[in-house]
Amino acid sequence: MNRTEYMEHLQRRLRRLPKEDYDRAIAYFTEYFEEAGPEREAQAIEDLGSPELAADQIVRDFAVENAASPTKNVKKGFSALWIGILAVFAAPVALPLSLAFGAVLLAFVLVVITLLLSVFLIAVSITISAIPCVLVSFWLLFTSFADGLTTLGLGLVLLGVGILMTMVSLFFTKWCLHGLTLLFGSIVKGGRYYEK
């Protein structure tokens, strides 16, 4: 590979650079070959390495340089200005809407918590009311066997239903609170839904 071929390969690989950076890189390699002269052209190509590797290194160097000192873009400044202006004009509409959304969300959470609490309290009250029923049934067994047996059966059924409803309501409460937590998490994280 001679100097001309090397420079053609290099120019093709460096086309993705901005014009200013492209011109600087080509000027550097042209100067490097001119300093080496025609008699040491092969040595210069060997020192520089393949044009692909040299071009990749240049692209990386320019990317690091541009990342360290970002250029000011007038278009970005104007778009930020327009966003600021739109935010000021949207505030009279967006603020009440966001407050209304927050109030509706709070009302929804309060309704869910109230329903869960009422189901739990009903289950606990059924369980608690079954205990006196079972105790009274033992006394009724000695006075009226049929009434005692019926009361005992009713008390045990109520006790079983109350315990089952309590367990189901606790499970359902845990499930609903987990769902509300995920809902609020997705709202806070910008609409993404995460689940552990």
Protein backbone atom coordinates (compact mmCIF):
# COMPACT_ATOMS: atom_id res chain seq x y z
CA MET A 1 0.00 0.00 0.00
CA ASN A 2 1.35 3.41 -0.96
CA ARG A 3 0.58 6.88 0.35
CA THR A 4 -2.23 7.58 -2.14
CA GLU A 5 -4.05 4.32 -1.35
CA TYR A 6 -3.56 4.88 2.37
CA MET A 7 -5.04 8.41 2.17
CA GLU A 8 -8.01 7.19 0.06
CA HIS A 9 -8.84 4.50 2.64
CA LEU A 10 -8.42 7.01 5.43
CA GLN A 11 -10.65 9.60 3.72
CA ARG A 12 -13.43 7.02 3.22
CA ARG A 13 -13.31 6.03 6.88
CA LEU A 14 -13.28 9.63 8.14
CA ARG A 15 -16.29 10.82 6.10
CA ARG A 16 -18.57 10.54 9.15
CA LEU A 17 -16.64 13.31 10.95
CA PRO A 18 -17.77 16.95 10.84
CA LYS A 19 -16.04 18.94 8.07
CA GLU A 20 -13.78 20.87 10.44
CA ASP A 21 -12.54 17.72 12.20
CA TYR A 22 -12.21 15.88 8.88
CA ASP A 23 -10.05 18.67 7.44
CA ARG A 24 -7.82 18.72 10.54
CA ALA A 25 -7.29 14.94 10.42
CA ILE A 26 -6.49 14.88 6.69
CA ALA A 27 -4.12 17.85 7.11
CA TYR A 28 -2.31 16.00 9.93
CA PHE A 29 -1.78 12.83 7.85
CA THR A 30 -0.77 14.81 4.75
CA GLU A 31 1.81 16.72 6.79
CA TYR A 32 3.02 13.45 8.36
CA PHE A 33 3.67 11.92 4.91
CA GLU A 34 5.29 15.11 3.62
CA GLU A 35 7.71 15.18 6.57
CA ALA A 36 8.55 11.51 6.05
CA GLY A 37 9.24 12.07 2.36
CA PRO A 38 8.91 9.58 -0.50
CA GLU A 39 11.95 7.53 0.59
CA ARG A 40 10.44 6.76 4.05
CA GLU A 41 6.82 6.44 2.92
CA ALA A 42 6.65 2.68 3.68
CA GLN A 43 8.08 3.25 7.16
CA ALA A 44 5.54 6.04 7.80
CA ILE A 45 2.66 3.72 6.77
CA GLU A 46 4.00 1.01 9.06
CA ASP A 47 4.30 3.49 11.96
CA LEU A 48 0.75 4.78 11.43
CA GLY A 49 -0.78 1.30 11.23
CA SER A 50 -3.69 0.35 9.01
CA PRO A 51 -5.91 3.21 7.77
CA GLU A 52 -8.93 1.56 9.43
CA LEU A 53 -7.29 1.54 12.87
CA ALA A 54 -5.96 5.08 12.42
CA ALA A 55 -9.39 6.35 11.36
CA ASP A 56 -11.13 4.62 14.26
CA GLN A 57 -8.64 6.13 16.70
CA ILE A 58 -9.18 9.60 15.25
CA VAL A 59 -12.98 9.24 15.47
CA ARG A 60 -12.70 8.15 19.11
CA ASP A 61 -10.34 11.03 19.93
CA PHE A 62 -12.67 13.60 18.37
CA ALA A 63 -15.67 12.07 20.14
CA VAL A 64 -13.90 12.35 23.51
CA GLU A 65 -12.81 15.91 22.71
CA ASN A 66 -16.34 16.95 21.68
CA ALA A 67 -17.88 15.26 24.72
CA ALA A 68 -15.51 17.12 27.04
CA SER A 69 -16.40 20.52 25.59
CA PRO A 70 -19.89 20.49 24.06
CA THR A 71 -20.53 23.13 21.48
CA LYS A 72 -23.29 25.64 22.03
CA ASN A 73 -26.13 25.18 19.63
CA VAL A 74 -28.34 28.16 18.91
CA LYS A 75 -31.21 25.89 17.83
CA LYS A 76 -31.17 24.06 21.18
CA GLY A 77 -31.21 27.39 23.00
CA PHE A 78 -34.28 28.53 21.08
CA SER A 79 -36.10 25.24 21.63
CA ALA A 80 -35.44 25.53 25.37
CA LEU A 81 -36.78 29.09 25.24
CA TRP A 82 -39.95 27.93 23.47
CA ILE A 83 -40.45 25.15 25.99
CA GLY A 84 -40.15 27.71 28.78
CA ILE A 85 -42.67 30.03 27.11
CA LEU A 86 -45.11 27.17 26.52
CA ALA A 87 -44.74 26.07 30.13
CA VAL A 88 -45.62 29.55 31.36
CA PHE A 89 -48.72 29.73 29.15
CA ALA A 90 -49.75 26.13 29.97
CA ALA A 91 -49.48 26.63 33.74
CA PRO A 92 -53.00 28.10 34.19
CA VAL A 93 -54.45 25.00 32.54
CA ALA A 94 -51.96 22.34 33.59
CA LEU A 95 -51.85 23.23 37.28
CA PRO A 96 -55.61 22.81 37.95
CA LEU A 97 -55.67 19.66 35.82
CA SER A 98 -52.79 18.14 37.75
CA LEU A 99 -54.44 19.08 41.06
CA ALA A 100 -57.72 17.52 39.88
CA PHE A 101 -55.88 14.39 38.80
CA GLY A 102 -54.19 14.20 42.20
CA ALA A 103 -57.53 14.64 44.00
CA VAL A 104 -59.18 11.90 41.92
CA LEU A 105 -56.23 9.60 42.55
CA LEU A 106 -56.38 10.32 46.29
CA ALA A 107 -60.13 9.66 46.31
CA PHE A 108 -59.57 6.36 44.49
CA VAL A 109 -56.96 5.28 47.02
CA LEU A 110 -59.22 6.27 49.94
CA VAL A 111 -62.16 4.33 48.46
CA VAL A 112 -60.02 1.22 47.97
CA ILE A 113 -58.61 1.44 51.50
CA THR A 114 -62.11 2.01 52.95
CA LEU A 115 -63.51 -1.00 51.10
CA LEU A 116 -60.62 -3.19 52.20
CA LEU A 117 -60.98 -2.05 55.80
CA SER A 118 -64.76 -2.64 55.81
CA VAL A 119 -64.40 -6.16 54.39
CA PHE A 120 -61.75 -6.94 56.99
CA LEU A 121 -63.91 -5.57 59.83
CA ILE A 122 -66.94 -7.58 58.64
CA ALA A 123 -64.82 -10.73 58.57
CA VAL A 124 -63.45 -10.08 62.05
CA SER A 125 -66.92 -9.31 63.44
CA ILE A 126 -68.31 -12.56 61.98
CA THR A 127 -65.45 -14.46 63.61
CA ILE A 128 -65.93 -12.73 66.96
CA SER A 129 -69.72 -13.20 66.92
CA ALA A 130 -69.29 -16.93 66.27
CA ILE A 131 -67.40 -17.43 69.56
CA PRO A 132 -70.36 -16.62 71.89
CA CYS A 133 -72.61 -18.68 69.62
CA VAL A 134 -70.38 -21.74 70.13
CA LEU A 135 -70.16 -21.14 73.90
CA VAL A 136 -73.95 -20.74 74.26
CA SER A 137 -74.49 -23.91 72.23
CA PHE A 138 -72.77 -26.01 74.94
CA TRP A 139 -75.28 -24.71 77.53
CA LEU A 140 -78.18 -25.32 75.13
CA LEU A 141 -77.06 -28.94 74.59
CA PHE A 142 -78.10 -29.69 78.18
CA THR A 143 -81.43 -27.83 78.06
CA SER A 144 -82.58 -28.54 74.50
CA PHE A 145 -80.34 -30.91 72.58
CA ALA A 146 -81.72 -29.98 69.12
CA ASP A 147 -81.36 -26.24 69.74
CA GLY A 148 -77.87 -26.74 71.16
CA LEU A 149 -76.78 -28.84 68.19
CA THR A 150 -78.20 -26.30 65.73
CA THR A 151 -76.55 -23.41 67.54
CA LEU A 152 -73.24 -25.28 67.71
CA GLY A 153 -73.38 -25.99 63.94
CA LEU A 154 -74.29 -22.39 63.17
CA GLY A 155 -71.49 -21.12 65.44
CA LEU A 156 -68.89 -23.41 63.85
CA VAL A 157 -70.01 -22.44 60.34
CA LEU A 158 -69.80 -18.74 61.27
CA LEU A 159 -66.40 -19.29 62.85
CA GLY A 160 -65.12 -21.04 59.71
CA VAL A 161 -66.59 -18.43 57.37
CA GLY A 162 -65.21 -15.62 59.54
CA ILE A 163 -61.69 -17.09 59.62
CA LEU A 164 -61.79 -17.77 55.87
CA MET A 165 -63.06 -14.24 55.12
CA THR A 166 -60.37 -12.76 57.37
CA MET A 167 -57.61 -14.68 55.57
CA VAL A 168 -59.02 -13.83 52.13
CA SER A 169 -59.43 -10.16 53.04
CA LEU A 170 -55.84 -9.99 54.35
CA PHE A 171 -54.56 -11.60 51.13
CA PHE A 172 -56.70 -9.29 48.99
CA THR A 173 -55.57 -6.26 51.01
CA LYS A 174 -51.92 -7.19 50.50
CA TRP A 175 -52.53 -7.71 46.77
CA CYS A 176 -54.35 -4.36 46.38
CA LEU A 177 -51.71 -2.43 48.33
CA HIS A 178 -48.99 -4.01 46.17
CA GLY A 179 -50.94 -2.96 43.06
CA LEU A 180 -51.35 0.60 44.36
CA THR A 181 -47.64 0.76 45.14
CA LEU A 182 -46.80 -0.34 41.59
CA LEU A 183 -49.29 2.18 40.18
CA PHE A 184 -47.75 5.06 42.14
CA GLY A 185 -44.26 3.81 41.24
CA SER A 186 -45.11 3.83 37.54
CA ILE A 187 -46.57 7.35 37.83
CA VAL A 188 -43.47 8.61 39.62
CA LYS A 189 -41.11 6.91 37.14
CA GLY A 190 -42.80 8.47 34.16
CA GLY A 191 -45.29 5.83 33.07
CA ARG A 192 -43.04 2.80 33.09
CA TYR A 193 -44.41 -0.23 34.82
CA TYR A 194 -41.86 -2.02 37.02
CA GLU A 195 -42.48 -5.16 38.97
CA LYS A 196 -39.99 -6.85 41.26
